[in-house]
Amino acid sequence: VQLVESGGGLVQAGGSLRLSCAASGITFSINVMGWYRQALGKQRELVAAVTSGGDRINYADSVKGRFTISRDNAKNTLYLQMNSLKPEDTAVYYCYAQARQSDYWGQGTQVTVSS
């Protein structure tokens, strides 16, 4: 499975961004997809994740009510709509997929929120 993120950038606090993650390869075997982020000097943390059927979604407490994860299985694409962004959301955001008991990661996309 190959994952390619897009949509990062610089935005002012209170603004919005939408990240996309295009998956290719054995996409039919993907069970879970999600977004992680890693701020400078901090550990990578889960932002949101969704199962293949979309029946289970998890969010980090810090983003609940502001971020929305969704997936379009027909397009093999995962999205993260980020609203009401805060400076503490600044990080490199990574797309993640779990397939056939293996973990796959994208290259990451930088999100910077200015105050």
N, C-alpha and C. Protein backbone atom coordinates (compact mmCIF):
# COMPACT_ATOMS: atom_id res chain seq x y z
N VAL A 1 0.85 -1.19 0.00
CA VAL A 1 0.00 0.00 0.00
C VAL A 1 0.89 1.24 0.00
N GLN A 2 0.60 2.15 -0.92
CA GLN A 2 1.31 3.41 -0.96
C GLN A 2 0.33 4.53 -0.60
N LEU A 3 0.81 5.47 0.20
CA LEU A 3 -0.04 6.57 0.68
C LEU A 3 0.62 7.89 0.35
N VAL A 4 -0.13 8.81 -0.24
CA VAL A 4 0.40 10.12 -0.60
C VAL A 4 -0.54 11.19 -0.07
N GLU A 5 -0.02 12.01 0.85
CA GLU A 5 -0.82 13.07 1.45
C GLU A 5 -0.70 14.36 0.64
N SER A 6 -1.70 15.19 0.78
CA SER A 6 -1.68 16.53 0.19
C SER A 6 -2.62 17.41 1.00
N GLY A 7 -2.48 18.72 0.81
CA GLY A 7 -3.41 19.66 1.43
C GLY A 7 -2.87 20.43 2.61
N GLY A 8 -1.66 20.16 3.03
CA GLY A 8 -1.10 20.92 4.14
C GLY A 8 -0.75 22.33 3.72
N GLY A 9 -0.36 23.13 4.71
CA GLY A 9 0.02 24.50 4.40
C GLY A 9 0.02 25.37 5.62
N LEU A 10 0.05 26.68 5.37
CA LEU A 10 0.06 27.68 6.43
C LEU A 10 -1.32 28.33 6.51
N VAL A 11 -1.86 28.41 7.71
CA VAL A 11 -3.18 29.01 7.89
C VAL A 11 -3.20 29.77 9.21
N GLN A 12 -4.02 30.80 9.28
CA GLN A 12 -4.15 31.54 10.52
C GLN A 12 -5.05 30.79 11.50
N ALA A 13 -4.87 31.07 12.77
CA ALA A 13 -5.72 30.46 13.80
C ALA A 13 -7.19 30.76 13.49
N GLY A 14 -8.01 29.74 13.66
CA GLY A 14 -9.42 29.86 13.34
C GLY A 14 -9.77 29.45 11.93
N GLY A 15 -8.76 29.24 11.11
CA GLY A 15 -8.98 28.86 9.73
C GLY A 15 -9.19 27.37 9.55
N SER A 16 -9.30 26.96 8.29
CA SER A 16 -9.57 25.56 7.95
C SER A 16 -8.61 25.06 6.89
N LEU A 17 -8.39 23.76 6.92
CA LEU A 17 -7.63 23.05 5.90
C LEU A 17 -8.25 21.68 5.71
N ARG A 18 -8.10 21.13 4.51
CA ARG A 18 -8.52 19.75 4.29
C ARG A 18 -7.34 18.96 3.76
N LEU A 19 -7.00 17.91 4.47
CA LEU A 19 -5.95 17.01 4.03
C LEU A 19 -6.56 15.84 3.26
N SER A 20 -5.81 15.38 2.27
CA SER A 20 -6.22 14.22 1.50
C SER A 20 -5.09 13.19 1.51
N CYS A 21 -5.47 11.93 1.43
CA CYS A 21 -4.50 10.85 1.38
C CYS A 21 -4.97 9.86 0.32
N ALA A 22 -4.20 9.78 -0.76
CA ALA A 22 -4.54 8.86 -1.84
C ALA A 22 -3.81 7.55 -1.64
N ALA A 23 -4.55 6.46 -1.62
CA ALA A 23 -3.97 5.15 -1.41
C ALA A 23 -3.93 4.38 -2.72
N SER A 24 -2.88 3.59 -2.89
CA SER A 24 -2.77 2.73 -4.06
C SER A 24 -2.14 1.41 -3.63
N GLY A 25 -2.21 0.43 -4.50
CA GLY A 25 -1.69 -0.88 -4.15
C GLY A 25 -2.83 -1.79 -3.73
N ILE A 26 -2.61 -2.60 -2.71
CA ILE A 26 -3.61 -3.57 -2.27
C ILE A 26 -4.66 -2.88 -1.39
N THR A 27 -5.31 -1.88 -1.96
CA THR A 27 -6.24 -1.07 -1.18
C THR A 27 -7.46 -1.86 -0.71
N PHE A 28 -7.78 -2.94 -1.40
CA PHE A 28 -8.96 -3.72 -1.01
C PHE A 28 -8.75 -4.40 0.33
N SER A 29 -7.51 -4.52 0.77
CA SER A 29 -7.20 -5.21 2.02
C SER A 29 -7.06 -4.26 3.21
N ILE A 30 -7.26 -2.96 2.97
CA ILE A 30 -7.12 -1.98 4.06
C ILE A 30 -8.27 -2.12 5.04
N ASN A 31 -7.93 -2.24 6.31
CA ASN A 31 -8.95 -2.33 7.36
C ASN A 31 -9.21 -0.97 8.00
N VAL A 32 -8.13 -0.36 8.46
CA VAL A 32 -8.24 0.91 9.17
C VAL A 32 -7.36 1.94 8.48
N MET A 33 -7.86 3.15 8.39
CA MET A 33 -7.07 4.28 7.92
C MET A 33 -7.20 5.40 8.93
N GLY A 34 -6.16 6.21 8.99
CA GLY A 34 -6.23 7.29 9.96
C GLY A 34 -5.18 8.35 9.71
N TRP A 35 -5.21 9.32 10.58
CA TRP A 35 -4.25 10.43 10.55
C TRP A 35 -3.54 10.51 11.90
N TYR A 36 -2.24 10.64 11.83
CA TYR A 36 -1.41 10.90 12.99
C TYR A 36 -0.72 12.24 12.77
N ARG A 37 -0.20 12.80 13.83
CA ARG A 37 0.58 14.03 13.70
C ARG A 37 1.75 14.01 14.68
N GLN A 38 2.78 14.73 14.29
CA GLN A 38 3.96 14.83 15.14
C GLN A 38 4.45 16.26 15.14
N ALA A 39 4.35 16.88 16.28
CA ALA A 39 4.87 18.23 16.45
C ALA A 39 6.35 18.16 16.78
N LEU A 40 7.05 19.25 16.54
CA LEU A 40 8.48 19.30 16.78
C LEU A 40 8.79 18.97 18.24
N GLY A 41 9.65 17.98 18.44
CA GLY A 41 10.05 17.61 19.79
C GLY A 41 9.06 16.76 20.55
N LYS A 42 7.99 16.34 19.88
CA LYS A 42 6.97 15.53 20.55
C LYS A 42 6.80 14.19 19.84
N GLN A 43 6.14 13.27 20.53
CA GLN A 43 5.87 11.96 19.95
C GLN A 43 4.72 12.04 18.96
N ARG A 44 4.73 11.11 18.01
CA ARG A 44 3.62 11.02 17.07
C ARG A 44 2.36 10.59 17.83
N GLU A 45 1.24 11.23 17.49
CA GLU A 45 0.00 10.93 18.19
C GLU A 45 -1.14 10.72 17.19
N LEU A 46 -2.08 9.89 17.60
CA LEU A 46 -3.26 9.66 16.77
C LEU A 46 -4.15 10.89 16.76
N VAL A 47 -4.61 11.27 15.59
CA VAL A 47 -5.56 12.37 15.45
C VAL A 47 -6.96 11.80 15.25
N ALA A 48 -7.10 10.89 14.29
CA ALA A 48 -8.40 10.30 14.00
C ALA A 48 -8.19 9.04 13.17
N ALA A 49 -9.12 8.09 13.31
CA ALA A 49 -9.03 6.86 12.55
C ALA A 49 -10.44 6.38 12.23
N VAL A 50 -10.55 5.64 11.11
CA VAL A 50 -11.86 5.14 10.67
C VAL A 50 -11.68 3.74 10.09
N THR A 51 -12.65 2.86 10.37
CA THR A 51 -12.60 1.51 9.82
C THR A 51 -13.03 1.51 8.36
N SER A 52 -12.83 0.39 7.71
CA SER A 52 -13.07 0.32 6.27
C SER A 52 -14.52 0.62 5.92
N GLY A 53 -15.44 0.17 6.77
CA GLY A 53 -16.85 0.41 6.50
C GLY A 53 -17.35 1.73 7.04
N GLY A 54 -16.48 2.45 7.70
CA GLY A 54 -16.87 3.73 8.27
C GLY A 54 -17.74 3.62 9.51
N ASP A 55 -17.84 2.42 10.06
CA ASP A 55 -18.74 2.23 11.19
C ASP A 55 -18.12 2.60 12.51
N ARG A 56 -16.80 2.69 12.56
CA ARG A 56 -16.14 3.08 13.80
C ARG A 56 -15.16 4.19 13.51
N ILE A 57 -15.31 5.28 14.25
CA ILE A 57 -14.43 6.44 14.10
C ILE A 57 -13.95 6.86 15.47
N ASN A 58 -12.67 7.13 15.58
CA ASN A 58 -12.09 7.62 16.81
C ASN A 58 -11.39 8.95 16.57
N TYR A 59 -11.50 9.83 17.54
CA TYR A 59 -10.83 11.12 17.49
C TYR A 59 -10.04 11.34 18.77
N ALA A 60 -8.93 12.02 18.64
CA ALA A 60 -8.23 12.49 19.83
C ALA A 60 -9.11 13.54 20.50
N ASP A 61 -9.08 13.57 21.82
CA ASP A 61 -9.91 14.54 22.54
C ASP A 61 -9.61 15.97 22.11
N SER A 62 -8.38 16.23 21.77
CA SER A 62 -7.96 17.60 21.43
C SER A 62 -8.56 18.10 20.12
N VAL A 63 -9.09 17.20 19.29
CA VAL A 63 -9.63 17.63 17.99
C VAL A 63 -11.13 17.37 17.85
N LYS A 64 -11.74 16.73 18.84
CA LYS A 64 -13.16 16.44 18.76
C LYS A 64 -13.97 17.72 18.58
N GLY A 65 -14.92 17.67 17.65
CA GLY A 65 -15.74 18.83 17.37
C GLY A 65 -15.13 19.81 16.39
N ARG A 66 -13.86 19.63 16.07
CA ARG A 66 -13.19 20.55 15.12
C ARG A 66 -12.75 19.82 13.84
N PHE A 67 -12.33 18.57 13.99
CA PHE A 67 -11.83 17.79 12.85
C PHE A 67 -12.84 16.71 12.48
N THR A 68 -12.90 16.41 11.18
CA THR A 68 -13.77 15.34 10.70
C THR A 68 -12.99 14.45 9.74
N ILE A 69 -12.97 13.16 10.03
CA ILE A 69 -12.30 12.21 9.15
C ILE A 69 -13.35 11.52 8.29
N SER A 70 -12.99 11.28 7.03
CA SER A 70 -13.91 10.58 6.13
C SER A 70 -13.08 9.82 5.09
N ARG A 71 -13.71 8.83 4.49
CA ARG A 71 -13.01 8.09 3.45
C ARG A 71 -13.95 7.80 2.30
N ASP A 72 -13.41 7.86 1.11
CA ASP A 72 -14.15 7.55 -0.11
C ASP A 72 -13.51 6.28 -0.67
N ASN A 73 -14.11 5.15 -0.40
CA ASN A 73 -13.52 3.88 -0.82
C ASN A 73 -13.48 3.73 -2.33
N ALA A 74 -14.41 4.34 -3.01
CA ALA A 74 -14.42 4.26 -4.47
C ALA A 74 -13.20 4.97 -5.07
N LYS A 75 -12.75 6.02 -4.38
CA LYS A 75 -11.59 6.77 -4.86
C LYS A 75 -10.31 6.40 -4.10
N ASN A 76 -10.44 5.46 -3.15
CA ASN A 76 -9.29 5.07 -2.33
C ASN A 76 -8.62 6.28 -1.69
N THR A 77 -9.42 7.17 -1.17
CA THR A 77 -8.91 8.42 -0.61
C THR A 77 -9.47 8.65 0.79
N LEU A 78 -8.60 9.11 1.66
CA LEU A 78 -8.94 9.47 3.02
C LEU A 78 -8.84 10.97 3.16
N TYR A 79 -9.74 11.56 3.94
CA TYR A 79 -9.74 13.00 4.13
C TYR A 79 -9.71 13.35 5.61
N LEU A 80 -9.22 14.54 5.89
CA LEU A 80 -9.30 15.11 7.23
C LEU A 80 -9.66 16.58 7.08
N GLN A 81 -10.89 16.90 7.41
CA GLN A 81 -11.34 18.30 7.40
C GLN A 81 -11.01 18.89 8.76
N MET A 82 -10.22 19.94 8.75
CA MET A 82 -9.77 20.57 10.00
C MET A 82 -10.31 21.99 10.06
N ASN A 83 -11.16 22.25 11.03
CA ASN A 83 -11.75 23.57 11.23
C ASN A 83 -11.30 24.14 12.56
N SER A 84 -11.49 25.43 12.71
CA SER A 84 -11.13 26.12 13.96
C SER A 84 -9.71 25.74 14.40
N LEU A 85 -8.80 25.84 13.48
CA LEU A 85 -7.43 25.42 13.77
C LEU A 85 -6.78 26.32 14.81
N LYS A 86 -5.93 25.70 15.61
CA LYS A 86 -5.22 26.38 16.69
C LYS A 86 -3.71 26.25 16.46
N PRO A 87 -2.94 27.16 17.02
CA PRO A 87 -1.48 27.03 16.87
C PRO A 87 -0.95 25.69 17.35
N GLU A 88 -1.58 25.10 18.34
CA GLU A 88 -1.12 23.80 18.85
C GLU A 88 -1.43 22.65 17.91
N ASP A 89 -2.15 22.91 16.83
CA ASP A 89 -2.36 21.89 15.80
C ASP A 89 -1.19 21.82 14.83
N THR A 90 -0.25 22.75 14.96
CA THR A 90 0.92 22.75 14.09
C THR A 90 1.71 21.47 14.23
N ALA A 91 1.93 20.77 13.13
CA ALA A 91 2.62 19.48 13.15
C ALA A 91 2.77 18.96 11.73
N VAL A 92 3.52 17.89 11.60
CA VAL A 92 3.52 17.13 10.36
C VAL A 92 2.43 16.07 10.51
N TYR A 93 1.54 16.03 9.55
CA TYR A 93 0.41 15.09 9.59
C TYR A 93 0.72 13.92 8.66
N TYR A 94 0.54 12.71 9.19
CA TYR A 94 0.84 11.49 8.45
C TYR A 94 -0.43 10.67 8.24
N CYS A 95 -0.57 10.18 7.05
CA CYS A 95 -1.64 9.25 6.73
C CYS A 95 -1.17 7.85 7.11
N TYR A 96 -2.10 7.04 7.61
CA TYR A 96 -1.78 5.70 8.10
C TYR A 96 -2.81 4.71 7.57
N ALA A 97 -2.34 3.52 7.27
CA ALA A 97 -3.25 2.45 6.87
C ALA A 97 -2.78 1.13 7.44
N GLN A 98 -3.74 0.32 7.82
CA GLN A 98 -3.43 -1.02 8.30
C GLN A 98 -4.04 -2.02 7.33
N ALA A 99 -3.19 -2.89 6.80
CA ALA A 99 -3.66 -3.88 5.83
C ALA A 99 -2.86 -5.16 6.00
N ARG A 100 -3.56 -6.26 6.08
CA ARG A 100 -2.91 -7.58 6.20
C ARG A 100 -1.90 -7.57 7.33
N GLN A 101 -2.30 -7.05 8.47
CA GLN A 101 -1.50 -7.03 9.69
C GLN A 101 -0.20 -6.25 9.54
N SER A 102 -0.14 -5.37 8.56
CA SER A 102 1.03 -4.50 8.38
C SER A 102 0.58 -3.05 8.43
N ASP A 103 1.51 -2.19 8.87
CA ASP A 103 1.24 -0.76 8.95
C ASP A 103 1.93 -0.02 7.82
N TYR A 104 1.24 0.95 7.25
CA TYR A 104 1.78 1.74 6.15
C TYR A 104 1.63 3.22 6.49
N TRP A 105 2.63 3.99 6.07
CA TRP A 105 2.65 5.42 6.36
C TRP A 105 2.93 6.23 5.10
N GLY A 106 2.32 7.41 5.05
CA GLY A 106 2.66 8.37 4.01
C GLY A 106 3.90 9.15 4.42
N GLN A 107 4.31 10.06 3.54
CA GLN A 107 5.53 10.82 3.77
C GLN A 107 5.31 12.01 4.70
N GLY A 108 4.06 12.36 4.92
CA GLY A 108 3.74 13.47 5.81
C GLY A 108 3.53 14.78 5.08
N THR A 109 2.68 15.62 5.65
CA THR A 109 2.44 16.95 5.10
C THR A 109 2.42 17.95 6.25
N GLN A 110 3.09 19.06 6.08
CA GLN A 110 3.23 20.05 7.16
C GLN A 110 1.98 20.92 7.25
N VAL A 111 1.48 21.06 8.46
CA VAL A 111 0.40 22.00 8.76
C VAL A 111 0.94 23.00 9.79
N THR A 112 0.88 24.27 9.45
CA THR A 112 1.36 25.32 10.34
C THR A 112 0.23 26.30 10.58
N VAL A 113 -0.08 26.52 11.86
CA VAL A 113 -1.16 27.44 12.23
C VAL A 113 -0.54 28.62 12.96
N SER A 114 -0.68 29.79 12.40
CA SER A 114 -0.12 30.99 13.00
C SER A 114 -1.13 31.66 13.92
N SER A 115 -0.61 32.28 14.96
CA SER A 115 -1.50 32.94 15.94
C SER A 115 -1.77 34.37 15.56
